[in-house]
Amino acid sequence: MTRDEVSDPQNLKMWLEVDGKRYQDGSTETMVFGVAHLVSYVSRFMSLQPGDIISTGTLRASAWDRNRQSI
């Protein structure tokens, strides 16, 4: 995605589905570090290019926390 395709990067929906079953549902709004902070921080160490992914971990109330036997 490019900047002009996202009206509010701090309010993007995120989810995890495995075999059609949804285990997590959340938003960038609840992340510990905001999107702008993450992009700024990572940019100190590497050049970000279109299509790059910044992995940040799991959403709140992850499937692992709720039901360790599910996955």
PDB file of N, CA and C in Angstrom:
ATOM      1  N   MET A   1       0.830  -1.181   0.000  1.00  0.00           N
ATOM      2  CA  MET A   1       0.000   0.000   0.000  1.00  0.00           C
ATOM      3  C   MET A   1       0.872   1.241   0.000  1.00  0.00           C
ATOM      4  N   THR A   2       0.379   2.252  -0.619  1.00  0.00           N
ATOM      5  CA  THR A   2       1.072   3.537  -0.585  1.00  0.00           C
ATOM      6  C   THR A   2       0.302   4.481   0.329  1.00  0.00           C
ATOM      7  N   ARG A   3       0.953   5.548   0.731  1.00  0.00           N
ATOM      8  CA  ARG A   3       0.356   6.504   1.666  1.00  0.00           C
ATOM      9  C   ARG A   3      -1.007   7.012   1.198  1.00  0.00           C
ATOM     10  N   ASP A   4      -1.174   7.256  -0.096  1.00  0.00           N
ATOM     11  CA  ASP A   4      -2.443   7.789  -0.598  1.00  0.00           C
ATOM     12  C   ASP A   4      -3.567   6.756  -0.578  1.00  0.00           C
ATOM     13  N   GLU A   5      -3.256   5.481  -0.379  1.00  0.00           N
ATOM     14  CA  GLU A   5      -4.281   4.433  -0.328  1.00  0.00           C
ATOM     15  C   GLU A   5      -4.839   4.212   1.078  1.00  0.00           C
ATOM     16  N   VAL A   6      -4.214   4.824   2.082  1.00  0.00           N
ATOM     17  CA  VAL A   6      -4.618   4.615   3.474  1.00  0.00           C
ATOM     18  C   VAL A   6      -4.987   5.958   4.082  1.00  0.00           C
ATOM     19  N   SER A   7      -6.257   6.124   4.432  1.00  0.00           N
ATOM     20  CA  SER A   7      -6.677   7.405   4.998  1.00  0.00           C
ATOM     21  C   SER A   7      -6.191   7.577   6.435  1.00  0.00           C
ATOM     22  N   ASP A   8      -6.183   6.495   7.232  1.00  0.00           N
ATOM     23  CA  ASP A   8      -5.747   6.576   8.616  1.00  0.00           C
ATOM     24  C   ASP A   8      -4.974   5.305   8.982  1.00  0.00           C
ATOM     25  N   PRO A   9      -3.648   5.330   8.901  1.00  0.00           N
ATOM     26  CA  PRO A   9      -2.863   4.121   9.188  1.00  0.00           C
ATOM     27  C   PRO A   9      -2.988   3.657  10.637  1.00  0.00           C
ATOM     28  N   GLN A  10      -3.471   4.523  11.518  1.00  0.00           N
ATOM     29  CA  GLN A  10      -3.625   4.150  12.917  1.00  0.00           C
ATOM     30  C   GLN A  10      -4.999   3.525  13.191  1.00  0.00           C
ATOM     31  N   ASN A  11      -5.742   3.238  12.118  1.00  0.00           N
ATOM     32  CA  ASN A  11      -7.060   2.613  12.274  1.00  0.00           C
ATOM     33  C   ASN A  11      -7.294   1.593  11.154  1.00  0.00           C
ATOM     34  N   LEU A  12      -6.347   0.667  10.994  1.00  0.00           N
ATOM     35  CA  LEU A  12      -6.471  -0.391   9.990  1.00  0.00           C
ATOM     36  C   LEU A  12      -6.884  -1.685  10.666  1.00  0.00           C
ATOM     37  N   LYS A  13      -7.825  -2.384  10.089  1.00  0.00           N
ATOM     38  CA  LYS A  13      -8.251  -3.668  10.638  1.00  0.00           C
ATOM     39  C   LYS A  13      -7.207  -4.735  10.339  1.00  0.00           C
ATOM     40  N   MET A  14      -7.015  -5.629  11.326  1.00  0.00           N
ATOM     41  CA  MET A  14      -6.118  -6.772  11.172  1.00  0.00           C
ATOM     42  C   MET A  14      -6.834  -7.990  11.741  1.00  0.00           C
ATOM     43  N   TRP A  15      -6.573  -9.157  11.142  1.00  0.00           N
ATOM     44  CA  TRP A  15      -7.178 -10.379  11.658  1.00  0.00           C
ATOM     45  C   TRP A  15      -6.328 -11.574  11.271  1.00  0.00           C
ATOM     46  N   LEU A  16      -6.583 -12.671  11.962  1.00  0.00           N
ATOM     47  CA  LEU A  16      -5.914 -13.935  11.681  1.00  0.00           C
ATOM     48  C   LEU A  16      -6.981 -14.997  11.491  1.00  0.00           C
ATOM     49  N   GLU A  17      -6.931 -15.659  10.353  1.00  0.00           N
ATOM     50  CA  GLU A  17      -7.820 -16.783  10.090  1.00  0.00           C
ATOM     51  C   GLU A  17      -6.979 -17.992   9.716  1.00  0.00           C
ATOM     52  N   VAL A  18      -7.345 -19.146  10.252  1.00  0.00           N
ATOM     53  CA  VAL A  18      -6.698 -20.410   9.927  1.00  0.00           C
ATOM     54  C   VAL A  18      -7.789 -21.368   9.491  1.00  0.00           C
ATOM     55  N   ASP A  19      -7.684 -21.874   8.276  1.00  0.00           N
ATOM     56  CA  ASP A  19      -8.685 -22.794   7.729  1.00  0.00           C
ATOM     57  C   ASP A  19     -10.104 -22.236   7.851  1.00  0.00           C
ATOM     58  N   GLY A  20     -10.239 -20.938   7.595  1.00  0.00           N
ATOM     59  CA  GLY A  20     -11.554 -20.299   7.604  1.00  0.00           C
ATOM     60  C   GLY A  20     -12.082 -19.930   8.977  1.00  0.00           C
ATOM     61  N   LYS A  21     -11.358 -20.229  10.037  1.00  0.00           N
ATOM     62  CA  LYS A  21     -11.791 -19.885  11.385  1.00  0.00           C
ATOM     63  C   LYS A  21     -11.005 -18.677  11.882  1.00  0.00           C
ATOM     64  N   ARG A  22     -11.721 -17.654  12.318  1.00  0.00           N
ATOM     65  CA  ARG A  22     -11.077 -16.435  12.798  1.00  0.00           C
ATOM     66  C   ARG A  22     -10.646 -16.598  14.254  1.00  0.00           C
ATOM     67  N   TYR A  23      -9.357 -16.383  14.487  1.00  0.00           N
ATOM     68  CA  TYR A  23      -8.798 -16.500  15.823  1.00  0.00           C
ATOM     69  C   TYR A  23      -8.495 -15.145  16.457  1.00  0.00           C
ATOM     70  N   GLN A  24      -8.219 -14.153  15.636  1.00  0.00           N
ATOM     71  CA  GLN A  24      -7.897 -12.828  16.147  1.00  0.00           C
ATOM     72  C   GLN A  24      -8.584 -11.785  15.290  1.00  0.00           C
ATOM     73  N   ASP A  25      -8.958 -10.695  15.922  1.00  0.00           N
ATOM     74  CA  ASP A  25      -9.586  -9.580  15.222  1.00  0.00           C
ATOM     75  C   ASP A  25      -9.188  -8.311  15.953  1.00  0.00           C
ATOM     76  N   GLY A  26      -8.586  -7.366  15.264  1.00  0.00           N
ATOM     77  CA  GLY A  26      -8.141  -6.159  15.940  1.00  0.00           C
ATOM     78  C   GLY A  26      -7.891  -5.023  14.977  1.00  0.00           C
ATOM     79  N   SER A  27      -7.116  -4.064  15.439  1.00  0.00           N
ATOM     80  CA  SER A  27      -6.862  -2.855  14.669  1.00  0.00           C
ATOM     81  C   SER A  27      -5.488  -2.299  15.041  1.00  0.00           C
ATOM     82  N   THR A  28      -4.911  -1.535  14.133  1.00  0.00           N
ATOM     83  CA  THR A  28      -3.651  -0.860  14.446  1.00  0.00           C
ATOM     84  C   THR A  28      -3.857   0.155  15.576  1.00  0.00           C
ATOM     85  N   GLU A  29      -5.087   0.510  15.843  1.00  0.00           N
ATOM     86  CA  GLU A  29      -5.409   1.475  16.902  1.00  0.00           C
ATOM     87  C   GLU A  29      -4.971   0.980  18.290  1.00  0.00           C
ATOM     88  N   THR A  30      -4.939  -0.341  18.493  1.00  0.00           N
ATOM     89  CA  THR A  30      -4.624  -0.886  19.816  1.00  0.00           C
ATOM     90  C   THR A  30      -3.167  -1.329  19.951  1.00  0.00           C
ATOM     91  N   MET A  31      -2.353  -1.063  18.952  1.00  0.00           N
ATOM     92  CA  MET A  31      -0.951  -1.474  19.020  1.00  0.00           C
ATOM     93  C   MET A  31      -0.201  -0.678  20.089  1.00  0.00           C
ATOM     94  N   VAL A  32       0.780  -1.291  20.713  1.00  0.00           N
ATOM     95  CA  VAL A  32       1.570  -0.618  21.746  1.00  0.00           C
ATOM     96  C   VAL A  32       2.304   0.582  21.164  1.00  0.00           C
ATOM     97  N   PHE A  33       2.945   0.400  20.017  1.00  0.00           N
ATOM     98  CA  PHE A  33       3.621   1.496  19.320  1.00  0.00           C
ATOM     99  C   PHE A  33       2.824   1.849  18.080  1.00  0.00           C
ATOM    100  N   GLY A  34       2.618   3.124  17.836  1.00  0.00           N
ATOM    101  CA  GLY A  34       1.865   3.573  16.678  1.00  0.00           C
ATOM    102  C   GLY A  34       2.590   3.290  15.367  1.00  0.00           C
ATOM    103  N   VAL A  35       1.828   3.304  14.295  1.00  0.00           N
ATOM    104  CA  VAL A  35       2.371   3.017  12.969  1.00  0.00           C
ATOM    105  C   VAL A  35       3.487   3.997  12.613  1.00  0.00           C
ATOM    106  N   ALA A  36       3.274   5.272  12.819  1.00  0.00           N
ATOM    107  CA  ALA A  36       4.297   6.274  12.483  1.00  0.00           C
ATOM    108  C   ALA A  36       5.579   6.034  13.262  1.00  0.00           C
ATOM    109  N   HIS A  37       5.450   5.688  14.538  1.00  0.00           N
ATOM    110  CA  HIS A  37       6.625   5.407  15.364  1.00  0.00           C
ATOM    111  C   HIS A  37       7.381   4.194  14.821  1.00  0.00           C
ATOM    112  N   LEU A  38       6.667   3.122  14.476  1.00  0.00           N
ATOM    113  CA  LEU A  38       7.312   1.914  13.956  1.00  0.00           C
ATOM    114  C   LEU A  38       8.045   2.180  12.647  1.00  0.00           C
ATOM    115  N   VAL A  39       7.411   2.902  11.747  1.00  0.00           N
ATOM    116  CA  VAL A  39       8.041   3.213  10.457  1.00  0.00           C
ATOM    117  C   VAL A  39       9.279   4.072  10.690  1.00  0.00           C
ATOM    118  N   SER A  40       9.172   5.064  11.552  1.00  0.00           N
ATOM    119  CA  SER A  40      10.308   5.935  11.852  1.00  0.00           C
ATOM    120  C   SER A  40      11.459   5.142  12.466  1.00  0.00           C
ATOM    121  N   TYR A  41      11.142   4.275  13.421  1.00  0.00           N
ATOM    122  CA  TYR A  41      12.173   3.497  14.105  1.00  0.00           C
ATOM    123  C   TYR A  41      12.885   2.550  13.131  1.00  0.00           C
ATOM    124  N   VAL A  42      12.122   1.781  12.366  1.00  0.00           N
ATOM    125  CA  VAL A  42      12.722   0.823  11.428  1.00  0.00           C
ATOM    126  C   VAL A  42      13.542   1.559  10.366  1.00  0.00           C
ATOM    127  N   SER A  43      13.089   2.735   9.972  1.00  0.00           N
ATOM    128  CA  SER A  43      13.792   3.522   8.950  1.00  0.00           C
ATOM    129  C   SER A  43      15.166   3.983   9.413  1.00  0.00           C
ATOM    130  N   ARG A  44      15.415   3.960  10.712  1.00  0.00           N
ATOM    131  CA  ARG A  44      16.740   4.322  11.213  1.00  0.00           C
ATOM    132  C   ARG A  44      17.775   3.259  10.867  1.00  0.00           C
ATOM    133  N   PHE A  45      17.329   2.038  10.622  1.00  0.00           N
ATOM    134  CA  PHE A  45      18.246   0.920  10.404  1.00  0.00           C
ATOM    135  C   PHE A  45      18.242   0.370   8.986  1.00  0.00           C
ATOM    136  N   MET A  46      17.191   0.680   8.231  1.00  0.00           N
ATOM    137  CA  MET A  46      17.108   0.154   6.867  1.00  0.00           C
ATOM    138  C   MET A  46      16.202   1.046   6.035  1.00  0.00           C
ATOM    139  N   SER A  47      16.372   0.984   4.729  1.00  0.00           N
ATOM    140  CA  SER A  47      15.505   1.725   3.817  1.00  0.00           C
ATOM    141  C   SER A  47      14.270   0.884   3.531  1.00  0.00           C
ATOM    142  N   LEU A  48      13.113   1.451   3.786  1.00  0.00           N
ATOM    143  CA  LEU A  48      11.864   0.754   3.509  1.00  0.00           C
ATOM    144  C   LEU A  48      11.438   1.005   2.067  1.00  0.00           C
ATOM    145  N   GLN A  49      10.988  -0.027   1.421  1.00  0.00           N
ATOM    146  CA  GLN A  49      10.549   0.036   0.031  1.00  0.00           C
ATOM    147  C   GLN A  49       9.075  -0.375  -0.057  1.00  0.00           C
ATOM    148  N   PRO A  50       8.371   0.067  -1.098  1.00  0.00           N
ATOM    149  CA  PRO A  50       6.985  -0.371  -1.254  1.00  0.00           C
ATOM    150  C   PRO A  50       6.895  -1.897  -1.213  1.00  0.00           C
ATOM    151  N   GLY A  51       5.959  -2.386  -0.433  1.00  0.00           N
ATOM    152  CA  GLY A  51       5.774  -3.826  -0.305  1.00  0.00           C
ATOM    153  C   GLY A  51       6.464  -4.429   0.905  1.00  0.00           C
ATOM    154  N   ASP A  52       7.357  -3.669   1.565  1.00  0.00           N
ATOM    155  CA  ASP A  52       8.013  -4.173   2.770  1.00  0.00           C
ATOM    156  C   ASP A  52       6.989  -4.384   3.883  1.00  0.00           C
ATOM    157  N   ILE A  53       7.253  -5.352   4.740  1.00  0.00           N
ATOM    158  CA  ILE A  53       6.375  -5.677   5.865  1.00  0.00           C
ATOM    159  C   ILE A  53       7.157  -5.483   7.153  1.00  0.00           C
ATOM    160  N   ILE A  54       6.534  -4.837   8.124  1.00  0.00           N
ATOM    161  CA  ILE A  54       7.119  -4.697   9.459  1.00  0.00           C
ATOM    162  C   ILE A  54       6.314  -5.609  10.380  1.00  0.00           C
ATOM    163  N   SER A  55       6.922  -6.710  10.793  1.00  0.00           N
ATOM    164  CA  SER A  55       6.236  -7.649  11.690  1.00  0.00           C
ATOM    165  C   SER A  55       6.320  -7.131  13.116  1.00  0.00           C
ATOM    166  N   THR A  56       5.192  -7.144  13.813  1.00  0.00           N
ATOM    167  CA  THR A  56       5.157  -6.574  15.156  1.00  0.00           C
ATOM    168  C   THR A  56       4.684  -7.548  16.220  1.00  0.00           C
ATOM    169  N   GLY A  57       4.251  -8.737  15.866  1.00  0.00           N
ATOM    170  CA  GLY A  57       3.767  -9.688  16.860  1.00  0.00           C
ATOM    171  C   GLY A  57       2.277  -9.941  16.701  1.00  0.00           C
ATOM    172  N   THR A  58       1.647 -10.398  17.782  1.00  0.00           N
ATOM    173  CA  THR A  58       0.237 -10.769  17.717  1.00  0.00           C
ATOM    174  C   THR A  58      -0.664  -9.648  18.196  1.00  0.00           C
ATOM    175  N   LEU A  59      -1.919  -9.772  17.852  1.00  0.00           N
ATOM    176  CA  LEU A  59      -2.932  -8.828  18.320  1.00  0.00           C
ATOM    177  C   LEU A  59      -3.267  -9.123  19.776  1.00  0.00           C
ATOM    178  N   ARG A  60      -3.931  -8.188  20.417  1.00  0.00           N
ATOM    179  CA  ARG A  60      -4.423  -8.418  21.778  1.00  0.00           C
ATOM    180  C   ARG A  60      -5.309  -9.646  21.803  1.00  0.00           C
ATOM    181  N   ALA A  61      -5.335 -10.303  22.947  1.00  0.00           N
ATOM    182  CA  ALA A  61      -6.163 -11.501  23.136  1.00  0.00           C
ATOM    183  C   ALA A  61      -5.910 -12.505  22.015  1.00  0.00           C
ATOM    184  N   SER A  62      -4.653 -12.816  21.829  1.00  0.00           N
ATOM    185  CA  SER A  62      -4.296 -13.727  20.749  1.00  0.00           C
ATOM    186  C   SER A  62      -4.881 -15.113  20.983  1.00  0.00           C
ATOM    187  N   ALA A  63      -4.994 -15.857  19.923  1.00  0.00           N
ATOM    188  CA  ALA A  63      -5.526 -17.219  20.005  1.00  0.00           C
ATOM    189  C   ALA A  63      -4.680 -18.058  20.950  1.00  0.00           C
ATOM    190  N   TRP A  64      -3.387 -17.808  21.000  1.00  0.00           N
ATOM    191  CA  TRP A  64      -2.499 -18.559  21.882  1.00  0.00           C
ATOM    192  C   TRP A  64      -2.909 -18.336  23.345  1.00  0.00           C
ATOM    193  N   ASP A  65      -3.240 -17.118  23.700  1.00  0.00           N
ATOM    194  CA  ASP A  65      -3.644 -16.827  25.078  1.00  0.00           C
ATOM    195  C   ASP A  65      -5.002 -17.426  25.416  1.00  0.00           C
ATOM    196  N   ARG A  66      -5.929 -17.369  24.483  1.00  0.00           N
ATOM    197  CA  ARG A  66      -7.304 -17.810  24.741  1.00  0.00           C
ATOM    198  C   ARG A  66      -7.435 -19.320  24.826  1.00  0.00           C
ATOM    199  N   ASN A  67      -6.787 -20.009  23.897  1.00  0.00           N
ATOM    200  CA  ASN A  67      -6.983 -21.443  23.823  1.00  0.00           C
ATOM    201  C   ASN A  67      -5.748 -22.098  23.236  1.00  0.00           C
ATOM    202  N   ARG A  68      -4.826 -22.464  24.046  1.00  0.00           N
ATOM    203  CA  ARG A  68      -3.544 -23.004  23.573  1.00  0.00           C
ATOM    204  C   ARG A  68      -3.700 -24.287  22.760  1.00  0.00           C
ATOM    205  N   GLN A  69      -4.791 -24.978  22.891  1.00  0.00           N
ATOM    206  CA  GLN A  69      -4.996 -26.234  22.170  1.00  0.00           C
ATOM    207  C   GLN A  69      -5.499 -26.002  20.748  1.00  0.00           C
ATOM    208  N   SER A  70      -5.981 -24.814  20.434  1.00  0.00           N
ATOM    209  CA  SER A  70      -6.603 -24.566  19.128  1.00  0.00           C
ATOM    210  C   SER A  70      -5.632 -24.595  17.964  1.00  0.00           C
ATOM    211  N   ILE A  71      -4.425 -24.140  18.197  1.00  0.00           N
ATOM    212  CA  ILE A  71      -3.489 -24.019  17.087  1.00  0.00           C
ATOM    213  C   ILE A  71      -2.362 -24.999  17.265  1.00  0.00           C
TER     214      ILE A  71
END
